[in-house]
Amino acid sequence: MLFKIIIITLMLFMVYNLFRALFIMNKKPDPNQPSMTKYIGRRLMVSVAIVVLILIGLLTGLITPNPRPY
């Protein structure tokens, strides 16, 4: 259960970074503000971490995939 909560939290963080980049993209450029690529890079790293965690969870048996339909 804790494993799934961690994955959901990472997904929410990924969506948060996506919207932060969107707001920065739509604002006027400000030299004191971080660039949009900072948030897009975070989103990319979090998505890679999610995929790795899902693969680890599948290999160790923490999560089980749905059975194939016949």
C-alpha atoms as a PDB file:
ATOM      1  CA  MET A   1       0.000   0.000   0.000  1.00  0.00           C
ATOM      2  CA  LEU A   2       2.849   2.389   0.835  1.00  0.00           C
ATOM      3  CA  PHE A   3       4.381   1.676  -2.570  1.00  0.00           C
ATOM      4  CA  LYS A   4       1.218   2.808  -4.363  1.00  0.00           C
ATOM      5  CA  ILE A   5       0.977   5.952  -2.231  1.00  0.00           C
ATOM      6  CA  ILE A   6       4.551   6.862  -3.178  1.00  0.00           C
ATOM      7  CA  ILE A   7       3.767   6.429  -6.882  1.00  0.00           C
ATOM      8  CA  ILE A   8       0.583   8.514  -6.625  1.00  0.00           C
ATOM      9  CA  THR A   9       2.468  11.240  -4.749  1.00  0.00           C
ATOM     10  CA  LEU A  10       5.145  11.314  -7.449  1.00  0.00           C
ATOM     11  CA  MET A  11       2.456  11.579 -10.131  1.00  0.00           C
ATOM     12  CA  LEU A  12       0.864  14.530  -8.339  1.00  0.00           C
ATOM     13  CA  PHE A  13       4.290  16.182  -8.077  1.00  0.00           C
ATOM     14  CA  MET A  14       4.780  15.597 -11.802  1.00  0.00           C
ATOM     15  CA  VAL A  15       1.467  17.308 -12.630  1.00  0.00           C
ATOM     16  CA  TYR A  16       2.351  20.181 -10.273  1.00  0.00           C
ATOM     17  CA  ASN A  17       5.641  20.767 -12.135  1.00  0.00           C
ATOM     18  CA  LEU A  18       3.825  20.639 -15.461  1.00  0.00           C
ATOM     19  CA  PHE A  19       1.440  23.400 -14.388  1.00  0.00           C
ATOM     20  CA  ARG A  20       4.259  25.493 -12.890  1.00  0.00           C
ATOM     21  CA  ALA A  21       6.009  25.379 -16.273  1.00  0.00           C
ATOM     22  CA  LEU A  22       2.754  26.359 -17.966  1.00  0.00           C
ATOM     23  CA  PHE A  23       2.289  29.413 -15.760  1.00  0.00           C
ATOM     24  CA  ILE A  24       5.885  30.523 -16.293  1.00  0.00           C
ATOM     25  CA  MET A  25       5.495  30.080 -20.042  1.00  0.00           C
ATOM     26  CA  ASN A  26       2.416  32.340 -20.099  1.00  0.00           C
ATOM     27  CA  LYS A  27       3.892  35.123 -17.932  1.00  0.00           C
ATOM     28  CA  LYS A  28       6.110  37.930 -19.042  1.00  0.00           C
ATOM     29  CA  PRO A  29       9.807  37.074 -18.743  1.00  0.00           C
ATOM     30  CA  ASP A  30      11.281  37.982 -15.372  1.00  0.00           C
ATOM     31  CA  PRO A  31      15.035  37.592 -14.747  1.00  0.00           C
ATOM     32  CA  ASN A  32      14.466  36.642 -11.088  1.00  0.00           C
ATOM     33  CA  GLN A  33      12.141  33.768 -11.945  1.00  0.00           C
ATOM     34  CA  PRO A  34      13.450  30.254 -12.638  1.00  0.00           C
ATOM     35  CA  SER A  35      13.216  29.105 -16.233  1.00  0.00           C
ATOM     36  CA  MET A  36      10.525  26.824 -17.573  1.00  0.00           C
ATOM     37  CA  THR A  37      13.078  24.126 -18.326  1.00  0.00           C
ATOM     38  CA  LYS A  38      13.746  23.667 -14.613  1.00  0.00           C
ATOM     39  CA  TYR A  39      10.191  22.450 -14.060  1.00  0.00           C
ATOM     40  CA  ILE A  40      10.069  20.425 -17.274  1.00  0.00           C
ATOM     41  CA  GLY A  41      13.344  18.733 -16.262  1.00  0.00           C
ATOM     42  CA  ARG A  42      11.918  17.896 -12.843  1.00  0.00           C
ATOM     43  CA  ARG A  43       8.850  16.428 -14.514  1.00  0.00           C
ATOM     44  CA  LEU A  44      11.035  14.279 -16.742  1.00  0.00           C
ATOM     45  CA  MET A  45      13.113  13.002 -13.815  1.00  0.00           C
ATOM     46  CA  VAL A  46       9.996  12.202 -11.780  1.00  0.00           C
ATOM     47  CA  SER A  47       8.449  10.293 -14.684  1.00  0.00           C
ATOM     48  CA  VAL A  48      11.636   8.238 -15.079  1.00  0.00           C
ATOM     49  CA  ALA A  49      11.579   7.519 -11.337  1.00  0.00           C
ATOM     50  CA  ILE A  50       7.943   6.398 -11.580  1.00  0.00           C
ATOM     51  CA  VAL A  51       8.706   3.990 -14.419  1.00  0.00           C
ATOM     52  CA  VAL A  52      11.694   2.563 -12.521  1.00  0.00           C
ATOM     53  CA  LEU A  53       9.612   2.154  -9.349  1.00  0.00           C
ATOM     54  CA  ILE A  54       6.847   0.381 -11.265  1.00  0.00           C
ATOM     55  CA  LEU A  55       9.372  -1.992 -12.836  1.00  0.00           C
ATOM     56  CA  ILE A  56      10.942  -2.706  -9.439  1.00  0.00           C
ATOM     57  CA  GLY A  57       7.489  -3.271  -7.967  1.00  0.00           C
ATOM     58  CA  LEU A  58       6.572  -5.707 -10.721  1.00  0.00           C
ATOM     59  CA  LEU A  59       9.844  -7.626 -10.454  1.00  0.00           C
ATOM     60  CA  THR A  60       9.713  -7.930  -6.659  1.00  0.00           C
ATOM     61  CA  GLY A  61       6.005  -8.742  -6.527  1.00  0.00           C
ATOM     62  CA  LEU A  62       4.912  -5.641  -4.613  1.00  0.00           C
ATOM     63  CA  ILE A  63       2.386  -4.933  -7.342  1.00  0.00           C
ATOM     64  CA  THR A  64       0.777  -7.444  -9.675  1.00  0.00           C
ATOM     65  CA  PRO A  65      -0.435  -6.705 -13.185  1.00  0.00           C
ATOM     66  CA  ASN A  66      -3.936  -7.528 -14.299  1.00  0.00           C
ATOM     67  CA  PRO A  67      -4.245 -11.004 -15.804  1.00  0.00           C
ATOM     68  CA  ARG A  68      -4.474 -11.269 -19.551  1.00  0.00           C
ATOM     69  CA  PRO A  69      -7.924 -11.760 -21.009  1.00  0.00           C
ATOM     70  CA  TYR A  70      -8.315 -14.973 -23.018  1.00  0.00           C
END
